[in-house]
Structures are given as C-alpha cells and as structure tokens.
Amino acid sequence: MAAIALCNAADLVEGRDAVPFDVVYAGQTCRAFAIRFQGRPHAYLNRCTHVAMELDYQPNRFFDDSGQWLLCATHGAAYRPDTGACAGGPCRGGLVRIELAEHDGVVHWHTAYNLQPVEF
C-alpha cells in the first residue's frame, strides 16, 4: 500500500466540512471524503449504500446538526462517523472505508487493491 498526502491535519476540523478527494474504485473515478470525528481522521467513499449516490447535502457537508452522524441527503440513511457502519435509515451495509494516517501535521490516505489515486 502506498501513502498519499491528502491535506494538512488542520484542514480536518471536528464535526465540520469534509475534505474531498478522488479515487478509482472498481474501475471508476469516484469522490471520497475525509472528516475528523472524536479527534481522529476518517475517510469514506462518497457513495450511499442504499442508492449509489453521493451523500453530501451541500458540498462537503456530511454531518447532521448534532455532529454525531453522517447523513445521506437523499433518503436519510445515517452512518457512524468512526466506522462508516449503518446506524439507521435505508442503508444496506456500511460505507467503503479508506485508511488514513496522520503524522507530522499531514493526513495521508493509503491505497488498497480496490482504491487507487486518480491519475491526471
């Protein structure tokens, strides 16, 4: 697995806007997003498990008003920010997780066999 710099650690503010990025997943370019929850960075493919559409209701906005859940704007599926697991609503399983690491003030994401960086 390769580590790719995603953003400065300070760009991920607890319960606030996500940092978007693109990945290749199953041969298709897809949006992904990184957030901070309970002090740790987390990242997921921006694809609801109910219907394969992006979750955010405004650009880079995924948290509900309480800052405790990630919500799909289309049908209200709720996901746990720390695991991506379905927490309620019409989800079919959890979000596709992307491994992150934070060190020296930078957040990196790790490629896997089914997630690759988009090459321009």
Protein backbone atom coordinates (compact mmCIF):
# COMPACT_ATOMS: atom_id res chain seq x y z
CA MET A 1 0.00 0.00 0.00
CA ALA A 2 1.23 3.47 -0.85
CA ALA A 3 0.59 6.53 1.32
CA ILE A 4 -0.56 9.69 -0.45
CA ALA A 5 -0.68 13.12 1.21
CA LEU A 6 -4.31 14.26 1.40
CA CYS A 7 -4.34 17.50 3.42
CA ASN A 8 -2.89 19.36 6.36
CA ALA A 9 -4.19 17.96 9.65
CA ALA A 10 -5.61 21.40 10.49
CA ASP A 11 -7.90 21.18 7.41
CA LEU A 12 -9.97 18.50 9.15
CA VAL A 13 -11.97 20.26 11.85
CA GLU A 14 -14.02 18.18 14.29
CA GLY A 15 -17.59 17.74 13.01
CA ARG A 16 -17.19 20.29 10.21
CA ASP A 17 -16.79 20.22 6.44
CA ALA A 18 -15.05 17.29 4.82
CA VAL A 19 -12.00 17.37 2.59
CA PRO A 20 -12.98 15.79 -0.75
CA PHE A 21 -10.68 13.75 -2.97
CA ASP A 22 -10.97 11.42 -5.94
CA VAL A 23 -10.17 7.72 -6.08
CA VAL A 24 -10.51 4.96 -8.62
CA TYR A 25 -12.82 2.30 -7.18
CA ALA A 26 -13.89 -0.77 -9.16
CA GLY A 27 -12.51 0.85 -12.32
CA GLN A 28 -14.49 4.09 -11.91
CA THR A 29 -13.44 7.53 -10.71
CA CYS A 30 -15.38 8.29 -7.53
CA ARG A 31 -15.46 11.04 -4.94
CA ALA A 32 -14.30 10.29 -1.43
CA PHE A 33 -14.21 12.44 1.68
CA ALA A 34 -12.19 12.79 4.86
CA ILE A 35 -13.58 14.05 8.18
CA ARG A 36 -12.45 14.38 11.77
CA PHE A 37 -14.52 12.71 14.49
CA GLN A 38 -13.57 12.30 18.14
CA GLY A 39 -10.13 13.66 17.36
CA ARG A 40 -9.27 11.13 14.64
CA PRO A 41 -9.39 11.42 10.84
CA HIS A 42 -11.67 9.07 8.91
CA ALA A 43 -12.37 8.71 5.19
CA TYR A 44 -15.02 7.00 3.10
CA LEU A 45 -16.15 6.63 -0.47
CA ASN A 46 -18.86 9.25 -1.08
CA ARG A 47 -21.46 6.68 -2.03
CA CYS A 48 -24.59 5.77 -0.09
CA THR A 49 -25.18 2.05 0.32
CA HIS A 50 -28.93 2.46 -0.23
CA VAL A 51 -28.66 4.01 -3.70
CA ALA A 52 -25.24 4.62 -5.24
CA MET A 53 -25.35 8.42 -5.00
CA GLU A 54 -23.22 10.95 -3.22
CA LEU A 55 -24.16 11.62 0.40
CA ASP A 56 -23.47 15.32 0.94
CA TYR A 57 -26.42 17.70 1.08
CA GLN A 58 -24.21 20.70 0.39
CA PRO A 59 -20.66 20.48 -0.94
CA ASN A 60 -18.52 18.71 1.66
CA ARG A 61 -21.29 18.69 4.33
CA PHE A 62 -21.97 15.22 5.73
CA PHE A 63 -22.60 15.63 9.47
CA ASP A 64 -26.07 16.07 10.93
CA ASP A 65 -26.72 19.09 13.18
CA SER A 66 -25.51 17.20 16.25
CA GLY A 67 -22.16 16.33 14.63
CA GLN A 68 -22.68 12.70 15.65
CA TRP A 69 -23.85 11.08 12.40
CA LEU A 70 -23.05 11.15 8.70
CA LEU A 71 -26.27 11.54 6.72
CA CYS A 72 -27.29 10.81 3.16
CA ALA A 73 -29.15 13.87 1.95
CA THR A 74 -31.33 11.91 -0.48
CA HIS A 75 -33.06 9.29 1.68
CA GLY A 76 -31.80 9.93 5.21
CA ALA A 77 -29.54 6.94 5.74
CA ALA A 78 -27.32 7.53 8.79
CA TYR A 79 -23.78 6.23 9.25
CA ARG A 80 -21.36 6.20 12.19
CA PRO A 81 -18.52 8.67 11.51
CA ASP A 82 -15.91 6.48 13.23
CA THR A 83 -16.64 3.23 11.37
CA GLY A 84 -18.95 4.04 8.45
CA ALA A 85 -21.40 1.42 9.77
CA CYS A 86 -25.10 1.87 9.05
CA ALA A 87 -26.76 3.49 12.06
CA GLY A 88 -30.31 3.83 10.71
CA GLY A 89 -32.47 4.52 7.73
CA PRO A 90 -32.37 2.70 4.41
CA CYS A 91 -28.69 1.68 4.35
CA ARG A 92 -27.50 -1.66 3.06
CA GLY A 93 -24.29 -2.17 4.96
CA GLY A 94 -21.58 0.34 5.76
CA LEU A 95 -19.65 2.89 3.77
CA VAL A 96 -16.46 1.87 1.97
CA ARG A 97 -13.67 2.85 4.35
CA ILE A 98 -10.39 4.41 3.23
CA GLU A 99 -7.46 4.05 5.60
CA LEU A 100 -5.90 7.28 6.83
CA ALA A 101 -2.82 8.07 8.88
CA GLU A 102 -1.93 11.38 10.49
CA HIS A 103 1.64 12.35 11.31
CA ASP A 104 3.81 15.46 11.26
CA GLY A 105 0.76 17.66 10.67
CA VAL A 106 -0.30 15.89 7.47
CA VAL A 107 -3.12 13.41 6.79
CA HIS A 108 -2.28 10.63 4.31
CA TRP A 109 -4.56 8.07 2.73
CA HIS A 110 -3.47 4.55 1.93
CA THR A 111 -4.18 2.91 -1.40
CA ALA A 112 -5.53 -0.61 -1.41
CA TYR A 113 -6.16 -3.19 -4.10
CA ASN A 114 -9.59 -1.70 -4.85
CA LEU A 115 -8.78 2.02 -4.24
CA GLN A 116 -6.22 3.90 -6.27
CA PRO A 117 -5.41 7.60 -6.75
CA VAL A 118 -6.84 9.31 -9.79
CA GLU A 119 -4.08 10.00 -12.29
CA PHE A 120 -4.37 13.06 -14.46
